[in-house]
Amino acid sequence: MNVKSILRTRAKLATALPCTPLILRGSLLERRIRHRSRCSVCANGGEGHLVWVLAVSYPGGRIKHISLRPEQKPVVEQWLRNYRDLKESIEQICEVNQQLLLAESNSH
């Protein structure tokens, strides 16, 4: 690949980046909680309540859990997808930049 085509590829990748404010890092977990008393759903070994939790890991092994309201789940799913897409796009741009460095060093 020549330098011009590599630059075109990089520009195309850069324009396809998702909207960066709408990203979120973490994992979406499905949990079941059971109340200890005064809940007819949980009483006598009932199924409990389905809840969604965002789990975000930090250096040192610390994990933060954020309980989500049901209406937040679709938004969180999209933001997590945007994060993965952005991360993949950045990796592709890095690969293209490596090709650019090789092409420029070979042209001199």
PDB file of N, CA and C in Angstrom:
ATOM      1  N   MET A   1       0.837  -1.185   0.000  1.00  0.00           N
ATOM      2  CA  MET A   1       0.000   0.000   0.000  1.00  0.00           C
ATOM      3  C   MET A   1       0.879   1.244   0.000  1.00  0.00           C
ATOM      4  N   ASN A   2       0.466   2.245  -0.777  1.00  0.00           N
ATOM      5  CA  ASN A   2       1.244   3.475  -0.768  1.00  0.00           C
ATOM      6  C   ASN A   2       0.713   4.431   0.303  1.00  0.00           C
ATOM      7  N   VAL A   3       1.472   5.469   0.557  1.00  0.00           N
ATOM      8  CA  VAL A   3       1.160   6.394   1.643  1.00  0.00           C
ATOM      9  C   VAL A   3      -0.218   7.037   1.446  1.00  0.00           C
ATOM     10  N   LYS A   4      -0.546   7.440   0.218  1.00  0.00           N
ATOM     11  CA  LYS A   4      -1.834   8.101  -0.020  1.00  0.00           C
ATOM     12  C   LYS A   4      -3.015   7.179   0.281  1.00  0.00           C
ATOM     13  N   SER A   5      -2.928   5.927  -0.127  1.00  0.00           N
ATOM     14  CA  SER A   5      -4.042   5.010   0.132  1.00  0.00           C
ATOM     15  C   SER A   5      -4.149   4.682   1.622  1.00  0.00           C
ATOM     16  N   ILE A   6      -3.014   4.630   2.309  1.00  0.00           N
ATOM     17  CA  ILE A   6      -3.034   4.399   3.757  1.00  0.00           C
ATOM     18  C   ILE A   6      -3.698   5.587   4.461  1.00  0.00           C
ATOM     19  N   LEU A   7      -3.373   6.793   4.045  1.00  0.00           N
ATOM     20  CA  LEU A   7      -3.987   7.991   4.639  1.00  0.00           C
ATOM     21  C   LEU A   7      -5.492   8.027   4.380  1.00  0.00           C
ATOM     22  N   ARG A   8      -5.923   7.585   3.175  1.00  0.00           N
ATOM     23  CA  ARG A   8      -7.358   7.529   2.860  1.00  0.00           C
ATOM     24  C   ARG A   8      -8.061   6.509   3.771  1.00  0.00           C
ATOM     25  N   THR A   9      -7.423   5.362   3.955  1.00  0.00           N
ATOM     26  CA  THR A   9      -7.991   4.326   4.819  1.00  0.00           C
ATOM     27  C   THR A   9      -8.142   4.847   6.238  1.00  0.00           C
ATOM     28  N   ARG A  10      -7.110   5.517   6.738  1.00  0.00           N
ATOM     29  CA  ARG A  10      -7.154   6.062   8.097  1.00  0.00           C
ATOM     30  C   ARG A  10      -8.258   7.111   8.232  1.00  0.00           C
ATOM     31  N   ALA A  11      -8.398   7.983   7.252  1.00  0.00           N
ATOM     32  CA  ALA A  11      -9.443   9.018   7.299  1.00  0.00           C
ATOM     33  C   ALA A  11     -10.831   8.385   7.290  1.00  0.00           C
ATOM     34  N   LYS A  12     -11.000   7.329   6.495  1.00  0.00           N
ATOM     35  CA  LYS A  12     -12.292   6.634   6.442  1.00  0.00           C
ATOM     36  C   LYS A  12     -12.622   6.008   7.796  1.00  0.00           C
ATOM     37  N   LEU A  13     -11.639   5.391   8.419  1.00  0.00           N
ATOM     38  CA  LEU A  13     -11.852   4.804   9.741  1.00  0.00           C
ATOM     39  C   LEU A  13     -12.199   5.879  10.776  1.00  0.00           C
ATOM     40  N   ALA A  14     -11.514   7.005  10.703  1.00  0.00           N
ATOM     41  CA  ALA A  14     -11.735   8.083  11.674  1.00  0.00           C
ATOM     42  C   ALA A  14     -13.137   8.673  11.541  1.00  0.00           C
ATOM     43  N   THR A  15     -13.643   8.792  10.335  1.00  0.00           N
ATOM     44  CA  THR A  15     -14.986   9.369  10.160  1.00  0.00           C
ATOM     45  C   THR A  15     -16.082   8.414  10.609  1.00  0.00           C
ATOM     46  N   ALA A  16     -15.773   7.123  10.712  1.00  0.00           N
ATOM     47  CA  ALA A  16     -16.776   6.133  11.123  1.00  0.00           C
ATOM     48  C   ALA A  16     -16.811   5.904  12.634  1.00  0.00           C
ATOM     49  N   LEU A  17     -16.015   6.664  13.397  1.00  0.00           N
ATOM     50  CA  LEU A  17     -15.993   6.479  14.850  1.00  0.00           C
ATOM     51  C   LEU A  17     -17.352   6.822  15.454  1.00  0.00           C
ATOM     52  N   PRO A  18     -17.807   6.039  16.451  1.00  0.00           N
ATOM     53  CA  PRO A  18     -19.083   6.370  17.088  1.00  0.00           C
ATOM     54  C   PRO A  18     -18.970   7.652  17.908  1.00  0.00           C
ATOM     55  N   CYS A  19     -20.107   8.190  18.242  1.00  0.00           N
ATOM     56  CA  CYS A  19     -20.166   9.409  19.052  1.00  0.00           C
ATOM     57  C   CYS A  19     -19.531   9.119  20.416  1.00  0.00           C
ATOM     58  N   THR A  20     -18.411   9.761  20.695  1.00  0.00           N
ATOM     59  CA  THR A  20     -17.642   9.411  21.890  1.00  0.00           C
ATOM     60  C   THR A  20     -18.295   9.756  23.232  1.00  0.00           C
ATOM     61  N   PRO A  21     -19.177  10.743  23.354  1.00  0.00           N
ATOM     62  CA  PRO A  21     -19.793  10.940  24.670  1.00  0.00           C
ATOM     63  C   PRO A  21     -20.740   9.805  25.066  1.00  0.00           C
ATOM     64  N   LEU A  22     -21.191   9.015  24.095  1.00  0.00           N
ATOM     65  CA  LEU A  22     -22.175   7.977  24.358  1.00  0.00           C
ATOM     66  C   LEU A  22     -21.502   6.606  24.462  1.00  0.00           C
ATOM     67  N   ILE A  23     -20.505   6.514  25.342  1.00  0.00           N
ATOM     68  CA  ILE A  23     -19.807   5.249  25.545  1.00  0.00           C
ATOM     69  C   ILE A  23     -19.800   4.899  27.030  1.00  0.00           C
ATOM     70  N   LEU A  24     -19.642   3.609  27.289  1.00  0.00           N
ATOM     71  CA  LEU A  24     -19.620   3.131  28.657  1.00  0.00           C
ATOM     72  C   LEU A  24     -18.800   1.857  28.687  1.00  0.00           C
ATOM     73  N   ARG A  25     -17.889   1.764  29.651  1.00  0.00           N
ATOM     74  CA  ARG A  25     -17.057   0.578  29.818  1.00  0.00           C
ATOM     75  C   ARG A  25     -17.634  -0.257  30.944  1.00  0.00           C
ATOM     76  N   GLY A  26     -17.690  -1.554  30.744  1.00  0.00           N
ATOM     77  CA  GLY A  26     -18.172  -2.436  31.793  1.00  0.00           C
ATOM     78  C   GLY A  26     -18.900  -3.626  31.214  1.00  0.00           C
ATOM     79  N   SER A  27     -19.597  -4.335  32.093  1.00  0.00           N
ATOM     80  CA  SER A  27     -20.368  -5.508  31.708  1.00  0.00           C
ATOM     81  C   SER A  27     -21.763  -5.396  32.299  1.00  0.00           C
ATOM     82  N   LEU A  28     -22.745  -5.810  31.516  1.00  0.00           N
ATOM     83  CA  LEU A  28     -24.120  -5.803  31.980  1.00  0.00           C
ATOM     84  C   LEU A  28     -24.440  -7.182  32.549  1.00  0.00           C
ATOM     85  N   LEU A  29     -24.839  -7.220  33.809  1.00  0.00           N
ATOM     86  CA  LEU A  29     -25.122  -8.483  34.488  1.00  0.00           C
ATOM     87  C   LEU A  29     -26.596  -8.566  34.848  1.00  0.00           C
ATOM     88  N   GLU A  30     -27.126  -9.768  34.729  1.00  0.00           N
ATOM     89  CA  GLU A  30     -28.497 -10.034  35.147  1.00  0.00           C
ATOM     90  C   GLU A  30     -28.431 -10.711  36.515  1.00  0.00           C
ATOM     91  N   ARG A  31     -29.162 -10.184  37.452  1.00  0.00           N
ATOM     92  CA  ARG A  31     -29.154 -10.735  38.814  1.00  0.00           C
ATOM     93  C   ARG A  31     -30.586 -10.960  39.274  1.00  0.00           C
ATOM     94  N   ARG A  32     -30.706 -11.857  40.228  1.00  0.00           N
ATOM     95  CA  ARG A  32     -31.984 -12.093  40.889  1.00  0.00           C
ATOM     96  C   ARG A  32     -31.811 -11.773  42.360  1.00  0.00           C
ATOM     97  N   ILE A  33     -32.675 -10.907  42.857  1.00  0.00           N
ATOM     98  CA  ILE A  33     -32.612 -10.578  44.286  1.00  0.00           C
ATOM     99  C   ILE A  33     -33.850 -11.139  44.971  1.00  0.00           C
ATOM    100  N   ARG A  34     -33.672 -11.494  46.213  1.00  0.00           N
ATOM    101  CA  ARG A  34     -34.777 -12.020  47.014  1.00  0.00           C
ATOM    102  C   ARG A  34     -34.855 -11.233  48.318  1.00  0.00           C
ATOM    103  N   HIS A  35     -36.035 -10.723  48.595  1.00  0.00           N
ATOM    104  CA  HIS A  35     -36.257 -10.006  49.844  1.00  0.00           C
ATOM    105  C   HIS A  35     -36.459 -11.016  50.967  1.00  0.00           C
ATOM    106  N   ARG A  36     -36.082 -10.634  52.160  1.00  0.00           N
ATOM    107  CA  ARG A  36     -36.170 -11.551  53.305  1.00  0.00           C
ATOM    108  C   ARG A  36     -37.551 -11.590  53.948  1.00  0.00           C
ATOM    109  N   SER A  37     -38.276 -10.509  53.840  1.00  0.00           N
ATOM    110  CA  SER A  37     -39.589 -10.512  54.488  1.00  0.00           C
ATOM    111  C   SER A  37     -40.560  -9.601  53.754  1.00  0.00           C
ATOM    112  N   ARG A  38     -41.828  -9.874  53.956  1.00  0.00           N
ATOM    113  CA  ARG A  38     -42.938  -9.051  53.447  1.00  0.00           C
ATOM    114  C   ARG A  38     -42.950  -8.851  51.936  1.00  0.00           C
ATOM    115  N   CYS A  39     -42.503  -9.840  51.194  1.00  0.00           N
ATOM    116  CA  CYS A  39     -42.584  -9.743  49.732  1.00  0.00           C
ATOM    117  C   CYS A  39     -43.224 -11.032  49.223  1.00  0.00           C
ATOM    118  N   SER A  40     -44.392 -10.902  48.603  1.00  0.00           N
ATOM    119  CA  SER A  40     -45.109 -12.098  48.150  1.00  0.00           C
ATOM    120  C   SER A  40     -44.369 -12.816  47.022  1.00  0.00           C
ATOM    121  N   VAL A  41     -43.600 -12.098  46.223  1.00  0.00           N
ATOM    122  CA  VAL A  41     -42.842 -12.714  45.128  1.00  0.00           C
ATOM    123  C   VAL A  41     -41.688 -13.549  45.679  1.00  0.00           C
ATOM    124  N   CYS A  42     -41.070 -13.095  46.741  1.00  0.00           N
ATOM    125  CA  CYS A  42     -39.891 -13.761  47.299  1.00  0.00           C
ATOM    126  C   CYS A  42     -40.233 -14.767  48.400  1.00  0.00           C
ATOM    127  N   ALA A  43     -41.430 -14.668  48.951  1.00  0.00           N
ATOM    128  CA  ALA A  43     -41.810 -15.511  50.095  1.00  0.00           C
ATOM    129  C   ALA A  43     -41.792 -16.987  49.722  1.00  0.00           C
ATOM    130  N   ASN A  44     -41.391 -17.806  50.682  1.00  0.00           N
ATOM    131  CA  ASN A  44     -41.425 -19.263  50.543  1.00  0.00           C
ATOM    132  C   ASN A  44     -40.676 -19.769  49.309  1.00  0.00           C
ATOM    133  N   GLY A  45     -39.480 -19.250  49.110  1.00  0.00           N
ATOM    134  CA  GLY A  45     -38.637 -19.754  48.010  1.00  0.00           C
ATOM    135  C   GLY A  45     -39.076 -19.313  46.633  1.00  0.00           C
ATOM    136  N   GLY A  46     -39.742 -18.169  46.530  1.00  0.00           N
ATOM    137  CA  GLY A  46     -40.183 -17.663  45.228  1.00  0.00           C
ATOM    138  C   GLY A  46     -39.016 -17.324  44.319  1.00  0.00           C
ATOM    139  N   GLU A  47     -39.348 -16.943  43.104  1.00  0.00           N
ATOM    140  CA  GLU A  47     -38.328 -16.678  42.091  1.00  0.00           C
ATOM    141  C   GLU A  47     -37.515 -15.407  42.351  1.00  0.00           C
ATOM    142  N   GLY A  48     -38.024 -14.503  43.107  1.00  0.00           N
ATOM    143  CA  GLY A  48     -37.319 -13.247  43.342  1.00  0.00           C
ATOM    144  C   GLY A  48     -37.556 -12.248  42.220  1.00  0.00           C
ATOM    145  N   HIS A  49     -36.750 -11.214  42.202  1.00  0.00           N
ATOM    146  CA  HIS A  49     -36.898 -10.125  41.236  1.00  0.00           C
ATOM    147  C   HIS A  49     -35.671 -10.048  40.343  1.00  0.00           C
ATOM    148  N   LEU A  50     -35.900  -9.945  39.047  1.00  0.00           N
ATOM    149  CA  LEU A  50     -34.814  -9.800  38.084  1.00  0.00           C
ATOM    150  C   LEU A  50     -34.350  -8.347  38.077  1.00  0.00           C
ATOM    151  N   VAL A  51     -33.043  -8.121  38.222  1.00  0.00           N
ATOM    152  CA  VAL A  51     -32.479  -6.766  38.161  1.00  0.00           C
ATOM    153  C   VAL A  51     -31.267  -6.780  37.244  1.00  0.00           C
ATOM    154  N   TRP A  52     -30.949  -5.623  36.697  1.00  0.00           N
ATOM    155  CA  TRP A  52     -29.772  -5.447  35.843  1.00  0.00           C
ATOM    156  C   TRP A  52     -28.755  -4.606  36.576  1.00  0.00           C
ATOM    157  N   VAL A  53     -27.481  -5.012  36.439  1.00  0.00           N
ATOM    158  CA  VAL A  53     -26.396  -4.343  37.133  1.00  0.00           C
ATOM    159  C   VAL A  53     -25.265  -4.091  36.140  1.00  0.00           C
ATOM    160  N   LEU A  54     -24.715  -2.886  36.172  1.00  0.00           N
ATOM    161  CA  LEU A  54     -23.510  -2.583  35.406  1.00  0.00           C
ATOM    162  C   LEU A  54     -22.320  -2.826  36.322  1.00  0.00           C
ATOM    163  N   ALA A  55     -21.397  -3.678  35.887  1.00  0.00           N
ATOM    164  CA  ALA A  55     -20.185  -3.967  36.657  1.00  0.00           C
ATOM    165  C   ALA A  55     -19.000  -3.348  35.920  1.00  0.00           C
ATOM    166  N   VAL A  56     -18.243  -2.504  36.624  1.00  0.00           N
ATOM    167  CA  VAL A  56     -17.080  -1.829  36.046  1.00  0.00           C
ATOM    168  C   VAL A  56     -15.872  -2.174  36.897  1.00  0.00           C
ATOM    169  N   SER A  57     -14.832  -2.718  36.256  1.00  0.00           N
ATOM    170  CA  SER A  57     -13.626  -3.082  37.009  1.00  0.00           C
ATOM    171  C   SER A  57     -12.603  -1.959  36.942  1.00  0.00           C
ATOM    172  N   TYR A  58     -11.833  -1.848  38.014  1.00  0.00           N
ATOM    173  CA  TYR A  58     -10.808  -0.823  38.145  1.00  0.00           C
ATOM    174  C   TYR A  58      -9.486  -1.479  38.526  1.00  0.00           C
ATOM    175  N   PRO A  59      -8.376  -0.773  38.317  1.00  0.00           N
ATOM    176  CA  PRO A  59      -7.072  -1.331  38.716  1.00  0.00           C
ATOM    177  C   PRO A  59      -7.081  -1.743  40.188  1.00  0.00           C
ATOM    178  N   GLY A  60      -6.362  -2.795  40.480  1.00  0.00           N
ATOM    179  CA  GLY A  60      -6.306  -3.291  41.843  1.00  0.00           C
ATOM    180  C   GLY A  60      -7.411  -4.292  42.139  1.00  0.00           C
ATOM    181  N   GLY A  61      -8.179  -4.667  41.127  1.00  0.00           N
ATOM    182  CA  GLY A  61      -9.209  -5.671  41.313  1.00  0.00           C
ATOM    183  C   GLY A  61     -10.522  -5.172  41.877  1.00  0.00           C
ATOM    184  N   ARG A  62     -10.654  -3.869  42.040  1.00  0.00           N
ATOM    185  CA  ARG A  62     -11.895  -3.306  42.582  1.00  0.00           C
ATOM    186  C   ARG A  62     -12.972  -3.304  41.502  1.00  0.00           C
ATOM    187  N   ILE A  63     -14.178  -3.675  41.860  1.00  0.00           N
ATOM    188  CA  ILE A  63     -15.297  -3.683  40.920  1.00  0.00           C
ATOM    189  C   ILE A  63     -16.425  -2.846  41.502  1.00  0.00           C
ATOM    190  N   LYS A  64     -16.939  -1.963  40.677  1.00  0.00           N
ATOM    191  CA  LYS A  64     -18.057  -1.116  41.080  1.00  0.00           C
ATOM    192  C   LYS A  64     -19.325  -1.660  40.425  1.00  0.00           C
ATOM    193  N   HIS A  65     -20.389  -1.836  41.198  1.00  0.00           N
ATOM    194  CA  HIS A  65     -21.676  -2.297  40.685  1.00  0.00           C
ATOM    195  C   HIS A  65     -22.674  -1.157  40.752  1.00  0.00           C
ATOM    196  N   ILE A  66     -23.373  -0.955  39.657  1.00  0.00           N
ATOM    197  CA  ILE A  66     -24.392   0.088  39.598  1.00  0.00           C
ATOM    198  C   ILE A  66     -25.714  -0.575  39.220  1.00  0.00           C
ATOM    199  N   SER A  67     -26.689  -0.504  40.111  1.00  0.00           N
ATOM    200  CA  SER A  67     -28.012  -1.066  39.832  1.00  0.00           C
ATOM    201  C   SER A  67     -28.726  -0.168  38.822  1.00  0.00           C
ATOM    202  N   LEU A  68     -29.391  -0.805  37.860  1.00  0.00           N
ATOM    203  CA  LEU A  68     -30.064  -0.064  36.798  1.00  0.00           C
ATOM    204  C   LEU A  68     -31.569  -0.220  36.894  1.00  0.00           C
ATOM    205  N   ARG A  69     -32.261   0.830  36.516  1.00  0.00           N
ATOM    206  CA  ARG A  69     -33.706   0.736  36.359  1.00  0.00           C
ATOM    207  C   ARG A  69     -33.978   0.013  35.032  1.00  0.00           C
ATOM    208  N   PRO A  70     -35.086  -0.687  34.896  1.00  0.00           N
ATOM    209  CA  PRO A  70     -35.363  -1.431  33.655  1.00  0.00           C
ATOM    210  C   PRO A  70     -35.280  -0.584  32.391  1.00  0.00           C
ATOM    211  N   GLU A  71     -35.728   0.665  32.469  1.00  0.00           N
ATOM    212  CA  GLU A  71     -35.705   1.518  31.274  1.00  0.00           C
ATOM    213  C   GLU A  71     -34.294   1.973  30.901  1.00  0.00           C
ATOM    214  N   GLN A  72     -33.329   1.799  31.786  1.00  0.00           N
ATOM    215  CA  GLN A  72     -31.943   2.164  31.488  1.00  0.00           C
ATOM    216  C   GLN A  72     -31.208   1.072  30.702  1.00  0.00           C
ATOM    217  N   LYS A  73     -31.693  -0.150  30.757  1.00  0.00           N
ATOM    218  CA  LYS A  73     -30.997  -1.273  30.139  1.00  0.00           C
ATOM    219  C   LYS A  73     -30.704  -1.050  28.647  1.00  0.00           C
ATOM    220  N   PRO A  74     -31.688  -0.658  27.798  1.00  0.00           N
ATOM    221  CA  PRO A  74     -31.377  -0.465  26.378  1.00  0.00           C
ATOM    222  C   PRO A  74     -30.309   0.599  26.131  1.00  0.00           C
ATOM    223  N   VAL A  75     -30.345   1.672  26.911  1.00  0.00           N
ATOM    224  CA  VAL A  75     -29.351   2.742  26.768  1.00  0.00           C
ATOM    225  C   VAL A  75     -27.967   2.221  27.137  1.00  0.00           C
ATOM    226  N   VAL A  76     -27.871   1.497  28.250  1.00  0.00           N
ATOM    227  CA  VAL A  76     -26.596   0.946  28.696  1.00  0.00           C
ATOM    228  C   VAL A  76     -26.067  -0.045  27.657  1.00  0.00           C
ATOM    229  N   GLU A  77     -26.936  -0.878  27.107  1.00  0.00           N
ATOM    230  CA  GLU A  77     -26.505  -1.829  26.074  1.00  0.00           C
ATOM    231  C   GLU A  77     -25.907  -1.092  24.869  1.00  0.00           C
ATOM    232  N   GLN A  78     -26.555  -0.004  24.446  1.00  0.00           N
ATOM    233  CA  GLN A  78     -26.043   0.762  23.300  1.00  0.00           C
ATOM    234  C   GLN A  78     -24.716   1.425  23.628  1.00  0.00           C
ATOM    235  N   TRP A  79     -24.581   2.000  24.813  1.00  0.00           N
ATOM    236  CA  TRP A  79     -23.333   2.649  25.205  1.00  0.00           C
ATOM    237  C   TRP A  79     -22.197   1.635  25.308  1.00  0.00           C
ATOM    238  N   LEU A  80     -22.490   0.436  25.793  1.00  0.00           N
ATOM    239  CA  LEU A  80     -21.469  -0.623  25.847  1.00  0.00           C
ATOM    240  C   LEU A  80     -21.044  -1.035  24.436  1.00  0.00           C
ATOM    241  N   ARG A  81     -22.027  -1.154  23.521  1.00  0.00           N
ATOM    242  CA  ARG A  81     -21.707  -1.461  22.109  1.00  0.00           C
ATOM    243  C   ARG A  81     -20.847  -0.361  21.506  1.00  0.00           C
ATOM    244  N   ASN A  82     -21.202   0.899  21.778  1.00  0.00           N
ATOM    245  CA  ASN A  82     -20.420   2.024  21.261  1.00  0.00           C
ATOM    246  C   ASN A  82     -18.980   1.963  21.765  1.00  0.00           C
ATOM    247  N   TYR A  83     -18.800   1.603  23.030  1.00  0.00           N
ATOM    248  CA  TYR A  83     -17.448   1.486  23.594  1.00  0.00           C
ATOM    249  C   TYR A  83     -16.658   0.403  22.864  1.00  0.00           C
ATOM    250  N   ARG A  84     -17.279  -0.762  22.675  1.00  0.00           N
ATOM    251  CA  ARG A  84     -16.586  -1.856  21.973  1.00  0.00           C
ATOM    252  C   ARG A  84     -16.256  -1.460  20.534  1.00  0.00           C
ATOM    253  N   ASP A  85     -17.207  -0.794  19.859  1.00  0.00           N
ATOM    254  CA  ASP A  85     -16.974  -0.343  18.483  1.00  0.00           C
ATOM    255  C   ASP A  85     -15.846   0.677  18.422  1.00  0.00           C
ATOM    256  N   LEU A  86     -15.845   1.619  19.371  1.00  0.00           N
ATOM    257  CA  LEU A  86     -14.797   2.635  19.409  1.00  0.00           C
ATOM    258  C   LEU A  86     -13.436   1.992  19.651  1.00  0.00           C
ATOM    259  N   LYS A  87     -13.389   1.069  20.588  1.00  0.00           N
ATOM    260  CA  LYS A  87     -12.135   0.381  20.890  1.00  0.00           C
ATOM    261  C   LYS A  87     -11.615  -0.378  19.663  1.00  0.00           C
ATOM    262  N   GLU A  88     -12.508  -1.076  18.958  1.00  0.00           N
ATOM    263  CA  GLU A  88     -12.121  -1.808  17.744  1.00  0.00           C
ATOM    264  C   GLU A  88     -11.624  -0.838  16.660  1.00  0.00           C
ATOM    265  N   SER A  89     -12.317   0.285  16.494  1.00  0.00           N
ATOM    266  CA  SER A  89     -11.910   1.278  15.496  1.00  0.00           C
ATOM    267  C   SER A  89     -10.538   1.860  15.820  1.00  0.00           C
ATOM    268  N   ILE A  90     -10.292   2.132  17.089  1.00  0.00           N
ATOM    269  CA  ILE A  90      -8.987   2.665  17.496  1.00  0.00           C
ATOM    270  C   ILE A  90      -7.887   1.648  17.188  1.00  0.00           C
ATOM    271  N   GLU A  91      -8.153   0.378  17.452  1.00  0.00           N
ATOM    272  CA  GLU A  91      -7.170  -0.663  17.143  1.00  0.00           C
ATOM    273  C   GLU A  91      -6.887  -0.712  15.643  1.00  0.00           C
ATOM    274  N   GLN A  92      -7.932  -0.578  14.820  1.00  0.00           N
ATOM    275  CA  GLN A  92      -7.739  -0.576  13.368  1.00  0.00           C
ATOM    276  C   GLN A  92      -6.919   0.634  12.928  1.00  0.00           C
ATOM    277  N   ILE A  93      -7.195   1.800  13.503  1.00  0.00           N
ATOM    278  CA  ILE A  93      -6.424   3.002  13.158  1.00  0.00           C
ATOM    279  C   ILE A  93      -4.967   2.821  13.561  1.00  0.00           C
ATOM    280  N   CYS A  94      -4.706   2.208  14.705  1.00  0.00           N
ATOM    281  CA  CYS A  94      -3.324   1.947  15.130  1.00  0.00           C
ATOM    282  C   CYS A  94      -2.606   1.044  14.138  1.00  0.00           C
ATOM    283  N   GLU A  95      -3.292   0.022  13.641  1.00  0.00           N
ATOM    284  CA  GLU A  95      -2.699  -0.870  12.639  1.00  0.00           C
ATOM    285  C   GLU A  95      -2.366  -0.102  11.358  1.00  0.00           C
ATOM    286  N   VAL A  96      -3.285   0.759  10.936  1.00  0.00           N
ATOM    287  CA  VAL A  96      -3.055   1.566   9.738  1.00  0.00           C
ATOM    288  C   VAL A  96      -1.873   2.508   9.952  1.00  0.00           C
ATOM    289  N   ASN A  97      -1.772   3.095  11.138  1.00  0.00           N
ATOM    290  CA  ASN A  97      -0.646   3.985  11.430  1.00  0.00           C
ATOM    291  C   ASN A  97       0.685   3.233  11.396  1.00  0.00           C
ATOM    292  N   GLN A  98       0.679   1.974  11.814  1.00  0.00           N
ATOM    293  CA  GLN A  98       1.896   1.161  11.694  1.00  0.00           C
ATOM    294  C   GLN A  98       2.263   0.971  10.220  1.00  0.00           C
ATOM    295  N   GLN A  99       1.255   0.690   9.393  1.00  0.00           N
ATOM    296  CA  GLN A  99       1.506   0.551   7.951  1.00  0.00           C
ATOM    297  C   GLN A  99       2.054   1.850   7.375  1.00  0.00           C
ATOM    298  N   LEU A 100       1.520   2.980   7.848  1.00  0.00           N
ATOM    299  CA  LEU A 100       1.982   4.289   7.390  1.00  0.00           C
ATOM    300  C   LEU A 100       3.454   4.497   7.740  1.00  0.00           C
ATOM    301  N   LEU A 101       3.822   4.160   8.960  1.00  0.00           N
ATOM    302  CA  LEU A 101       5.230   4.309   9.371  1.00  0.00           C
ATOM    303  C   LEU A 101       6.147   3.439   8.518  1.00  0.00           C
ATOM    304  N   LEU A 102       5.724   2.217   8.245  1.00  0.00           N
ATOM    305  CA  LEU A 102       6.535   1.328   7.403  1.00  0.00           C
ATOM    306  C   LEU A 102       6.642   1.846   5.986  1.00  0.00           C
ATOM    307  N   ALA A 103       5.512   2.327   5.426  1.00  0.00           N
ATOM    308  CA  ALA A 103       5.519   2.850   4.066  1.00  0.00           C
ATOM    309  C   ALA A 103       6.395   4.090   3.943  1.00  0.00           C
ATOM    310  N   GLU A 104       6.331   4.973   4.949  1.00  0.00           N
ATOM    311  CA  GLU A 104       7.149   6.193   4.913  1.00  0.00           C
ATOM    312  C   GLU A 104       8.630   5.857   5.067  1.00  0.00           C
ATOM    313  N   SER A 105       8.955   4.894   5.925  1.00  0.00           N
ATOM    314  CA  SER A 105      10.369   4.555   6.116  1.00  0.00           C
ATOM    315  C   SER A 105      10.925   3.834   4.901  1.00  0.00           C
ATOM    316  N   ASN A 106      10.089   3.106   4.167  1.00  0.00           N
ATOM    317  CA  ASN A 106      10.551   2.411   2.961  1.00  0.00           C
ATOM    318  C   ASN A 106      10.664   3.348   1.761  1.00  0.00           C
ATOM    319  N   SER A 107       9.967   4.480   1.812  1.00  0.00           N
ATOM    320  CA  SER A 107      10.008   5.414   0.680  1.00  0.00           C
ATOM    321  C   SER A 107      11.206   6.357   0.734  1.00  0.00           C
ATOM    322  N   HIS A 108      11.947   6.323   1.832  1.00  0.00           N
ATOM    323  CA  HIS A 108      13.115   7.217   1.946  1.00  0.00           C
ATOM    324  C   HIS A 108      14.384   6.473   1.718  1.00  0.00           C
TER     325      HIS A 108
END
